[in-house]
Amino acid sequence: MIPDKSPRVLELEEKLLAFMEEHIYPNEQRFYQEAEDHGPWKLYPVIEELKPKAREAGLWNLFLPESEHGAGLKNIEYASLCEIMGRSHLAPEVFNCNAPDTGNMEVLARYGTPEQQAEWLTPLLNGDIRSAFAMTEPDVASSDAKNIESSIIRDGDEYVINGTKWYTTGATHPNCKIFIFMGKNDPDADPYRQQSMILVPRDIPGVTVKRSLPVFGYYGVPDRASEVVFDNVRVPASNMLLGEGRGFEIAQGRLGPGRIHHCMRLIGLAERTLAKMCLRTQQRVAFGKPVSEQSVTRERVAEARIMIEQSRLLTLRAAHMMDTVGNKEAKAEIAMIKIAVPNMVCQIADWAIQAFGGGGTGNDFGTAHAYATARFLRLADGPDEVHRDQLARLEFRKQAARNDTGGVDGWGVLPPRIALSPN
């Protein structure tokens, strides 16, 4: 059962909706234009102008459950707010609720030392700096994190870091000041104890942001993807997070909430895309009647509504389970939403592109951006195939446990064999 929204969440929703209407939607065209004009290496002035307004409105750091640092909301409480922000590519950073900073702040809040928090978490919470998460590598299949080849080697009071990372979000941002870097410190250890995470300042010798990477031809929106080279980078031993060999542990703590955030933002994007599709098809006439009255359009609109509602309910269930029984017990639900939601948005965005015709493939209506966002999120935080594999293994395990109890919990899945007469 999904609990009712609290008065506080309802109040935040109302304030957030008002802010979106007053400041976000009217500035979207400016945002896309600045992204195109300035490119991924520069600040976008509209974001910097709107951040203080969001903070003054009390709509800042809403994602962190720890009341000491954030709004103190549960996952399920933040979910509806995250969905509202997801309606616009401009919104999340304005409210300091954007990836990868949200995940990195959660890591620092949970696993960082007081010194690490003072140096990096506080300025991130204030929106003074940005961060990046360096995990994916170009030369190995990073969907299996055990393949990671980058190294973190102890040398006295320092660690020496080597490796090349790519699709590292945010590295080209002028305010990016810190990386959370994942690499191997002991290749001979147990496979899940080989990896560590360590803090690497952006502006130290050996760190080179080699290039910006396009996402479906876009630079800067929906992602500031980057390739970064770490060449004999030396950092103090005190920069290690949690301890050597704890990288997988940190990754699981980081990715659970992050997947919920991605999915709720995507649901908001799906709602916005469907609204555009409905409006467009009502305004256009083809073969003697509005496109909205064509049977294929009505079928797609109906299916889109069903798909959005299914995805939202599944995501809220996952969020509620995370809040009540923890990320580990909710791993099947988290895997389900990470598969279902991006695929749902890809389909709705594709239908919207069809409804807009040629204009749907360009930048005028946001449909192509919506598709690009949903499509790359079928890869981010684990590709569909990995989540499907995990989900199937969990299902086989669950069914085996039922069989072991005898009678398959009374479900009668397999009827008794019937001896057939030879006649």
Foldseek 3Di string as FASTA:
>chain_A
DFDDADPVLVVLVVLLVVCCVPQPVVCQVLQVVQCVVVFLQEDRVSLVVLLVVCVVSVLAQQQDLPVVQHVNDFLLSCLLVLLQQLQGLSRCVSRLNDPPLNLVLLLCVVWNDPVCCVVPNVCSRVSQAGEWEFQAADPDDCLPSLPAAWEWEDDPQKTWTWGKGWQTFPLSYPRHFKYFYKHAHDNPDDSQQRIWTFIDTCPDPQKDFDDFDDQVNRTNPPTRITMITGDRGIDGPSRTTNDHSCHVVSLLVSLQSVLLSLLSSLLSNLVSLLVLLQVLQQVDDDPHGGNCPDPVNVVLSVVLVVLSVVLVVLSSVLSVCCRPVRSVVSLLSSLVSLQRRLVSQLSSLVVSLVSVDPVSCDDPRCSVSSNSSSVCSCPPSRHNVVSVVVNVVVVVVVQVVLVVVPCSVVPPPDPDDDDDDPD
